């Protein structure tokens, strides 16, 4: 997932939960994407690399139907 689309999804989800996130601040883009949902005192974490590695592990170790 591209960083900008992930940030947009975080802001969208925050809005659905009633959290303000009008001014998101990208704190880190690595194994996890960390986004501060300014002006709320909330930091969202999105697993990025972990999710990809987990999917690769599942497809290589589980038998295919």
Protein backbone atom coordinates (compact mmCIF):
# COMPACT_ATOMS: atom_id res chain seq x y z
CA UNK A 1 0.00 0.00 0.00
CA UNK A 2 1.28 3.43 -0.90
CA UNK A 3 1.99 5.75 2.01
CA UNK A 4 -0.33 8.56 0.90
CA UNK A 5 -3.28 6.21 0.39
CA UNK A 6 -2.64 4.59 3.79
CA UNK A 7 -2.65 8.02 5.46
CA UNK A 8 -5.93 8.87 3.71
CA UNK A 9 -7.45 5.61 4.97
CA UNK A 10 -6.29 6.34 8.52
CA UNK A 11 -7.89 9.81 8.36
CA UNK A 12 -11.10 8.32 6.94
CA UNK A 13 -11.30 5.72 9.70
CA UNK A 14 -10.57 8.34 12.35
CA UNK A 15 -13.46 10.42 11.02
CA UNK A 16 -15.80 7.42 11.22
CA UNK A 17 -14.76 6.98 14.85
CA UNK A 18 -15.44 10.64 15.58
CA UNK A 19 -11.78 11.64 15.90
CA UNK A 20 -10.50 14.81 14.28
CA UNK A 21 -7.69 14.17 11.87
CA UNK A 22 -7.76 17.25 9.68
CA UNK A 23 -4.00 17.73 9.84
CA UNK A 24 -2.33 14.28 9.80
CA UNK A 25 1.39 14.18 10.52
CA UNK A 26 3.44 11.26 9.20
CA UNK A 27 5.76 10.25 12.03
CA UNK A 28 7.32 7.12 10.59
CA UNK A 29 7.11 5.06 7.41
CA UNK A 30 8.90 1.78 8.00
CA UNK A 31 7.75 -1.60 9.26
CA UNK A 32 4.80 0.32 10.65
CA UNK A 33 3.25 3.52 9.42
CA UNK A 34 2.75 5.96 12.31
CA UNK A 35 0.38 8.88 11.80
CA UNK A 36 -0.44 11.56 14.37
CA UNK A 37 -4.06 12.57 13.95
CA UNK A 38 -3.69 16.26 14.74
CA UNK A 39 -5.34 18.04 16.45
CA UNK A 40 -6.36 14.93 18.41
CA UNK A 41 -3.75 13.51 20.81
CA UNK A 42 -3.87 10.19 18.93
CA UNK A 43 -1.23 8.26 17.00
CA UNK A 44 -2.40 5.54 14.62
CA UNK A 45 -0.21 2.57 13.71
CA UNK A 46 -0.68 0.65 10.46
CA UNK A 47 1.27 -2.57 9.96
CA UNK A 48 2.88 -2.41 6.52
CA UNK A 49 5.82 -4.76 6.10
CA UNK A 50 4.54 -7.10 8.80
CA UNK A 51 1.33 -7.71 6.86
CA UNK A 52 3.22 -8.43 3.65
CA UNK A 53 5.63 -10.85 5.35
CA UNK A 54 2.75 -12.61 7.08
CA UNK A 55 0.93 -13.08 3.77
CA UNK A 56 4.08 -14.43 2.11
CA UNK A 57 4.63 -16.85 4.98
CA UNK A 58 1.06 -18.16 4.72
CA UNK A 59 1.23 -18.69 0.97
CA UNK A 60 4.53 -20.58 1.21
CA UNK A 61 3.72 -22.87 4.12
CA UNK A 62 0.04 -23.72 3.67
CA UNK A 63 -0.93 -26.28 1.03
CA UNK A 64 -2.96 -24.94 -1.87
CA UNK A 65 -6.46 -26.42 -2.31
